[in-house]
Amino acid sequence: MAKPSLRFLVNGGAVLLFPTGTAVVFWPFHRAAADIESFCGSFAVGMTVAQVKASAEARGYEVSSEPGGKLRISDPRLNTDHSCALAIGTAPGS
């Protein structure tokens, strides 16, 4: 069996290194986006604004109020590419 050439080894290493490096660079963004989606899906009806803000700030998310009685929760690591808006209102009849 012939010994692999230096060129073959370098090219093979580059082929393996490129997808690995790309995954390492982009994985934190993918994970952060999935985290905020699961976080926003975990709210229950009837939570107070203070509870939502405390929970979001404990995880490092930014909370801002929007017109129309909405709270926008965003992750500063993602530059607001992924966020969720929660409608805040009163229950019917209250």
N, C-alpha and C. Protein backbone atom coordinates (compact mmCIF):
# COMPACT_ATOMS: atom_id res chain seq x y z
N MET A 1 0.85 -1.17 0.00
CA MET A 1 0.00 0.00 0.00
C MET A 1 0.89 1.24 0.00
N ALA A 2 0.52 2.18 -0.84
CA ALA A 2 1.33 3.38 -0.99
C ALA A 2 1.08 4.34 0.17
N LYS A 3 2.12 5.07 0.52
CA LYS A 3 2.04 6.05 1.58
C LYS A 3 1.30 7.29 1.06
N PRO A 4 0.30 7.83 1.82
CA PRO A 4 -0.41 9.02 1.34
C PRO A 4 0.53 10.21 1.22
N SER A 5 0.33 10.99 0.19
CA SER A 5 1.18 12.16 -0.03
C SER A 5 0.80 13.28 0.94
N LEU A 6 1.70 14.23 1.09
CA LEU A 6 1.45 15.38 1.95
C LEU A 6 0.26 16.19 1.44
N ARG A 7 0.16 16.33 0.13
CA ARG A 7 -0.96 17.07 -0.46
C ARG A 7 -2.29 16.39 -0.11
N PHE A 8 -2.36 15.08 -0.19
CA PHE A 8 -3.57 14.33 0.15
C PHE A 8 -3.93 14.54 1.63
N LEU A 9 -2.93 14.51 2.50
CA LEU A 9 -3.19 14.69 3.93
C LEU A 9 -3.67 16.11 4.24
N VAL A 10 -3.07 17.10 3.61
CA VAL A 10 -3.47 18.49 3.84
C VAL A 10 -4.88 18.72 3.33
N ASN A 11 -5.17 18.27 2.12
CA ASN A 11 -6.51 18.44 1.56
C ASN A 11 -7.56 17.67 2.37
N GLY A 12 -7.22 16.49 2.80
CA GLY A 12 -8.14 15.71 3.63
C GLY A 12 -8.41 16.39 4.96
N GLY A 13 -7.36 16.95 5.55
CA GLY A 13 -7.53 17.68 6.80
C GLY A 13 -8.40 18.91 6.62
N ALA A 14 -8.23 19.62 5.50
CA ALA A 14 -9.04 20.81 5.23
C ALA A 14 -10.50 20.43 5.03
N VAL A 15 -10.73 19.33 4.34
CA VAL A 15 -12.11 18.87 4.11
C VAL A 15 -12.78 18.53 5.44
N LEU A 16 -12.06 17.97 6.36
CA LEU A 16 -12.63 17.64 7.67
C LEU A 16 -12.75 18.87 8.57
N LEU A 17 -11.80 19.77 8.47
CA LEU A 17 -11.77 20.93 9.34
C LEU A 17 -12.84 21.96 8.99
N PHE A 18 -13.14 22.14 7.70
CA PHE A 18 -14.10 23.16 7.29
C PHE A 18 -15.50 22.94 7.88
N PRO A 19 -16.12 21.77 7.70
CA PRO A 19 -17.46 21.60 8.30
C PRO A 19 -17.43 21.60 9.82
N THR A 20 -16.36 21.10 10.40
CA THR A 20 -16.25 21.10 11.86
C THR A 20 -16.15 22.52 12.39
N GLY A 21 -15.33 23.34 11.77
CA GLY A 21 -15.19 24.73 12.19
C GLY A 21 -16.46 25.52 12.00
N THR A 22 -17.15 25.27 10.90
CA THR A 22 -18.42 25.95 10.64
C THR A 22 -19.44 25.58 11.71
N ALA A 23 -19.51 24.32 12.06
CA ALA A 23 -20.46 23.88 13.09
C ALA A 23 -20.12 24.51 14.44
N VAL A 24 -18.86 24.58 14.77
CA VAL A 24 -18.44 25.15 16.05
C VAL A 24 -18.79 26.64 16.11
N VAL A 25 -18.65 27.34 15.00
CA VAL A 25 -18.93 28.77 14.98
C VAL A 25 -20.43 29.05 15.09
N PHE A 26 -21.26 28.29 14.39
CA PHE A 26 -22.68 28.60 14.33
C PHE A 26 -23.53 27.87 15.36
N TRP A 27 -23.02 26.86 16.01
CA TRP A 27 -23.80 26.12 16.99
C TRP A 27 -24.33 26.99 18.13
N PRO A 28 -23.56 27.90 18.71
CA PRO A 28 -24.11 28.73 19.80
C PRO A 28 -25.33 29.54 19.38
N PHE A 29 -25.35 30.04 18.15
CA PHE A 29 -26.50 30.80 17.67
C PHE A 29 -27.72 29.91 17.51
N HIS A 30 -27.51 28.73 16.98
CA HIS A 30 -28.61 27.77 16.83
C HIS A 30 -29.17 27.39 18.20
N ARG A 31 -28.30 27.13 19.14
CA ARG A 31 -28.72 26.73 20.49
C ARG A 31 -29.46 27.87 21.19
N ALA A 32 -28.96 29.10 21.05
CA ALA A 32 -29.62 30.25 21.69
C ALA A 32 -31.01 30.48 21.10
N ALA A 33 -31.15 30.30 19.79
CA ALA A 33 -32.47 30.46 19.17
C ALA A 33 -33.44 29.40 19.66
N ALA A 34 -32.98 28.18 19.80
CA ALA A 34 -33.84 27.11 20.31
C ALA A 34 -34.20 27.36 21.77
N ASP A 35 -33.25 27.90 22.54
CA ASP A 35 -33.52 28.19 23.95
C ASP A 35 -34.60 29.24 24.13
N ILE A 36 -34.56 30.31 23.34
CA ILE A 36 -35.56 31.35 23.50
C ILE A 36 -36.93 30.87 23.03
N GLU A 37 -36.97 30.01 22.01
CA GLU A 37 -38.25 29.46 21.57
C GLU A 37 -38.87 28.58 22.65
N SER A 38 -38.08 27.75 23.28
CA SER A 38 -38.62 26.90 24.35
C SER A 38 -38.98 27.74 25.57
N PHE A 39 -38.22 28.79 25.84
CA PHE A 39 -38.52 29.67 26.96
C PHE A 39 -39.85 30.37 26.75
N CYS A 40 -40.06 30.90 25.56
CA CYS A 40 -41.31 31.62 25.28
C CYS A 40 -42.51 30.67 25.27
N GLY A 41 -42.29 29.43 24.91
CA GLY A 41 -43.38 28.46 24.92
C GLY A 41 -43.71 27.95 26.31
N SER A 42 -42.91 28.29 27.29
CA SER A 42 -43.12 27.75 28.63
C SER A 42 -44.04 28.62 29.49
N PHE A 43 -44.48 29.77 28.99
CA PHE A 43 -45.33 30.64 29.80
C PHE A 43 -46.74 30.09 29.89
N ALA A 44 -47.33 30.24 31.05
CA ALA A 44 -48.69 29.79 31.27
C ALA A 44 -49.63 31.00 31.29
N VAL A 45 -50.86 30.75 30.93
CA VAL A 45 -51.87 31.81 30.98
C VAL A 45 -52.04 32.22 32.44
N GLY A 46 -52.11 33.51 32.67
CA GLY A 46 -52.32 34.01 34.02
C GLY A 46 -51.06 34.49 34.71
N MET A 47 -49.91 34.36 34.06
CA MET A 47 -48.68 34.87 34.68
C MET A 47 -48.72 36.39 34.66
N THR A 48 -48.20 36.98 35.70
CA THR A 48 -48.18 38.44 35.78
C THR A 48 -46.98 38.98 34.99
N VAL A 49 -47.05 40.26 34.67
CA VAL A 49 -45.96 40.91 33.96
C VAL A 49 -44.68 40.83 34.77
N ALA A 50 -44.79 41.00 36.07
CA ALA A 50 -43.60 40.94 36.93
C ALA A 50 -42.97 39.55 36.89
N GLN A 51 -43.78 38.50 36.87
CA GLN A 51 -43.25 37.14 36.80
C GLN A 51 -42.53 36.91 35.48
N VAL A 52 -43.13 37.38 34.39
CA VAL A 52 -42.52 37.20 33.08
C VAL A 52 -41.19 37.95 33.01
N LYS A 53 -41.18 39.20 33.48
CA LYS A 53 -39.95 40.00 33.44
C LYS A 53 -38.86 39.37 34.31
N ALA A 54 -39.22 38.92 35.50
CA ALA A 54 -38.23 38.32 36.39
C ALA A 54 -37.64 37.05 35.78
N SER A 55 -38.49 36.24 35.20
CA SER A 55 -38.03 35.00 34.59
C SER A 55 -37.12 35.27 33.39
N ALA A 56 -37.49 36.25 32.57
CA ALA A 56 -36.68 36.58 31.40
C ALA A 56 -35.35 37.18 31.80
N GLU A 57 -35.36 38.09 32.75
CA GLU A 57 -34.12 38.74 33.16
C GLU A 57 -33.19 37.77 33.87
N ALA A 58 -33.74 36.76 34.53
CA ALA A 58 -32.91 35.75 35.18
C ALA A 58 -32.12 34.94 34.16
N ARG A 59 -32.66 34.81 32.95
CA ARG A 59 -31.97 34.07 31.89
C ARG A 59 -31.13 34.97 30.99
N GLY A 60 -31.13 36.27 31.28
CA GLY A 60 -30.31 37.19 30.50
C GLY A 60 -31.01 37.75 29.27
N TYR A 61 -32.31 37.61 29.17
CA TYR A 61 -33.06 38.14 28.04
C TYR A 61 -33.47 39.57 28.30
N GLU A 62 -33.63 40.34 27.24
CA GLU A 62 -34.10 41.71 27.35
C GLU A 62 -35.61 41.74 27.19
N VAL A 63 -36.28 42.54 28.01
CA VAL A 63 -37.73 42.67 27.96
C VAL A 63 -38.06 44.12 27.66
N SER A 64 -38.90 44.33 26.66
CA SER A 64 -39.34 45.68 26.34
C SER A 64 -40.84 45.69 26.11
N SER A 65 -41.46 46.81 26.43
CA SER A 65 -42.90 46.96 26.23
C SER A 65 -43.15 47.53 24.85
N GLU A 66 -44.20 47.03 24.21
CA GLU A 66 -44.59 47.51 22.90
C GLU A 66 -46.01 48.04 22.96
N PRO A 67 -46.38 48.88 22.00
CA PRO A 67 -47.76 49.36 21.96
C PRO A 67 -48.74 48.20 21.79
N GLY A 68 -49.90 48.37 22.30
CA GLY A 68 -50.92 47.33 22.19
C GLY A 68 -50.87 46.32 23.31
N GLY A 69 -50.15 46.63 24.37
CA GLY A 69 -50.09 45.73 25.51
C GLY A 69 -49.29 44.47 25.26
N LYS A 70 -48.15 44.59 24.58
CA LYS A 70 -47.30 43.43 24.31
C LYS A 70 -45.94 43.60 24.99
N LEU A 71 -45.38 42.48 25.37
CA LEU A 71 -44.00 42.45 25.87
C LEU A 71 -43.17 41.73 24.82
N ARG A 72 -42.04 42.30 24.44
CA ARG A 72 -41.13 41.64 23.51
C ARG A 72 -39.94 41.15 24.30
N ILE A 73 -39.67 39.85 24.19
CA ILE A 73 -38.54 39.23 24.87
C ILE A 73 -37.54 38.84 23.79
N SER A 74 -36.32 39.34 23.93
CA SER A 74 -35.29 39.05 22.93
C SER A 74 -33.98 38.68 23.62
N ASP A 75 -33.17 37.98 22.87
CA ASP A 75 -31.86 37.55 23.35
C ASP A 75 -30.81 38.49 22.78
N PRO A 76 -30.09 39.23 23.62
CA PRO A 76 -29.09 40.16 23.09
C PRO A 76 -27.97 39.47 22.33
N ARG A 77 -27.74 38.20 22.57
CA ARG A 77 -26.69 37.49 21.83
C ARG A 77 -27.07 37.29 20.37
N LEU A 78 -28.38 37.35 20.07
CA LEU A 78 -28.85 37.09 18.71
C LEU A 78 -29.18 38.37 17.95
N ASN A 79 -28.93 39.53 18.52
CA ASN A 79 -29.23 40.81 17.88
C ASN A 79 -30.69 40.90 17.44
N THR A 80 -31.59 40.45 18.28
CA THR A 80 -33.05 40.46 18.09
C THR A 80 -33.50 39.73 16.83
N ASP A 81 -32.69 38.85 16.28
CA ASP A 81 -33.16 38.04 15.16
C ASP A 81 -34.26 37.08 15.61
N HIS A 82 -34.17 36.62 16.82
CA HIS A 82 -35.18 35.72 17.36
C HIS A 82 -35.73 36.36 18.63
N SER A 83 -37.02 36.52 18.66
CA SER A 83 -37.67 37.08 19.84
C SER A 83 -39.10 36.56 19.88
N CYS A 84 -39.76 36.85 20.97
CA CYS A 84 -41.18 36.49 21.05
C CYS A 84 -41.94 37.67 21.65
N ALA A 85 -43.17 37.77 21.26
CA ALA A 85 -44.04 38.84 21.76
C ALA A 85 -45.18 38.20 22.55
N LEU A 86 -45.37 38.66 23.76
CA LEU A 86 -46.45 38.14 24.60
C LEU A 86 -47.52 39.21 24.73
N ALA A 87 -48.75 38.84 24.47
CA ALA A 87 -49.86 39.78 24.61
C ALA A 87 -50.27 39.82 26.07
N ILE A 88 -50.30 41.02 26.63
CA ILE A 88 -50.67 41.22 28.01
C ILE A 88 -52.03 41.87 28.03
N GLY A 89 -52.92 41.29 28.73
CA GLY A 89 -54.26 41.86 28.80
C GLY A 89 -54.97 41.39 30.05
N THR A 90 -56.18 41.80 30.19
CA THR A 90 -56.97 41.37 31.33
C THR A 90 -57.92 40.28 30.88
N ALA A 91 -58.29 39.44 31.80
CA ALA A 91 -59.21 38.35 31.49
C ALA A 91 -60.60 38.92 31.24
N PRO A 92 -61.39 38.29 30.38
CA PRO A 92 -62.75 38.77 30.15
C PRO A 92 -63.57 38.78 31.44
N GLY A 93 -64.28 39.84 31.64
CA GLY A 93 -65.14 39.93 32.81
C GLY A 93 -64.43 40.46 34.05
N SER A 94 -63.17 40.83 33.95
CA SER A 94 -62.48 41.33 35.14
C SER A 94 -62.28 42.81 35.06
